[in-house]
Protein backbone atom coordinates (compact mmCIF):
# COMPACT_ATOMS: atom_id res chain seq x y z
CA MET A 1 0.02 0.00 0.00
CA SER A 2 1.49 3.29 -1.03
CA ARG A 3 1.36 6.37 1.15
CA VAL A 4 -0.01 9.52 -0.37
CA TYR A 5 1.07 12.58 1.59
CA VAL A 6 -1.30 15.40 2.14
CA CYS A 7 0.97 17.46 4.33
CA SER A 8 4.67 17.14 3.53
CA CYS A 9 5.65 19.52 6.34
CA PHE A 10 4.52 17.11 8.98
CA GLY A 11 4.38 13.88 6.95
CA ILE A 12 0.56 13.49 7.22
CA THR A 13 -1.00 10.98 4.87
CA GLU A 14 -4.46 10.84 3.27
CA GLN A 15 -5.18 7.86 5.50
CA GLN A 16 -4.40 9.84 8.61
CA VAL A 17 -6.62 12.75 7.55
CA GLU A 18 -9.42 10.27 6.82
CA GLN A 19 -8.95 8.67 10.20
CA HIS A 20 -9.17 12.07 11.98
CA ALA A 21 -12.35 12.86 9.93
CA GLU A 22 -13.86 9.48 10.98
CA ASN A 23 -13.04 10.40 14.55
CA GLY A 24 -15.04 13.66 14.28
CA ALA A 25 -12.78 16.29 12.73
CA CYS A 26 -14.96 17.99 10.17
CA SER A 27 -12.98 21.11 9.28
CA PRO A 28 -9.41 21.86 8.28
CA ARG A 29 -8.91 23.69 11.61
CA GLN A 30 -9.99 20.50 13.51
CA ILE A 31 -7.66 18.34 11.37
CA ALA A 32 -4.90 20.83 12.23
CA SER A 33 -5.67 20.51 15.95
CA ALA A 34 -5.52 16.72 15.63
CA CYS A 35 -2.28 16.35 13.65
CA LYS A 36 -0.78 19.80 12.72
CA ALA A 37 -1.55 19.36 9.03
CA GLY A 38 -2.00 22.83 7.45
CA THR A 39 -0.33 24.80 10.27
CA ASP A 40 3.10 25.34 8.65
CA CYS A 41 3.18 26.45 4.99
CA GLY A 42 -0.58 25.99 4.48
CA SER A 43 -0.31 24.54 1.00
CA CYS A 44 -2.29 21.44 2.00
CA VAL A 45 -5.38 23.21 3.46
CA ARG A 46 -7.28 23.18 0.17
CA ARG A 47 -6.60 19.58 -0.34
CA ILE A 48 -7.81 18.86 3.20
CA GLN A 49 -10.99 20.85 2.49
CA ALA A 50 -11.56 18.83 -0.64
CA MET A 51 -10.99 15.56 1.23
CA LEU A 52 -13.52 16.55 3.85
CA GLY A 53 -16.05 17.53 1.20
CA ARG A 54 -16.49 20.85 2.85
CA GLY A 55 -20.10 21.88 2.89
CA ALA A 56 -21.20 18.55 1.31
CA PHE A 57 -22.25 16.88 4.57
CA PRO A 58 -24.58 18.06 7.34
CA ARG A 59 -23.04 19.07 10.61
CA ARG A 60 -22.30 16.09 12.80
CA GLU A 61 -24.19 17.51 15.83
CA LEU A 62 -27.37 17.92 13.86
CA VAL A 63 -27.12 14.38 12.46
CA GLU A 64 -26.56 12.90 15.90
CA GLN A 65 -29.54 14.84 17.25
CA ASP A 66 -31.74 13.60 14.41
CA GLU A 67 -32.46 17.15 13.34
CA PRO A 68 -32.69 18.35 9.73
CA ALA A 69 -29.27 19.50 8.42
CA LEU A 70 -30.67 22.98 7.58
CA ALA A 71 -32.35 23.43 10.96
CA GLY A 72 -31.88 26.92 12.37
CA LEU A 73 -31.16 28.67 9.09
CA ASP A 74 -34.47 30.59 9.21
CA GLU A 75 -33.60 31.92 12.62
CA ALA A 76 -30.16 33.13 11.43
CA ALA A 77 -31.58 34.92 8.37
């Protein structure tokens, strides 16, 4: 199995980013908190965003609470 590096500054692989996402990290900032990826030169942040499918999935808290993903948008508008 070959390793595909996402962050060469800290040697973080796609598999590691995916594992952090499975463990609950749902933003590049949360991935950075988990493993430092994206905190040095920053060139990997867009790739991490793409891997996470930013904006493509409902927020984890709403899913766990069985609420619609767009709940609360009317209140914010």
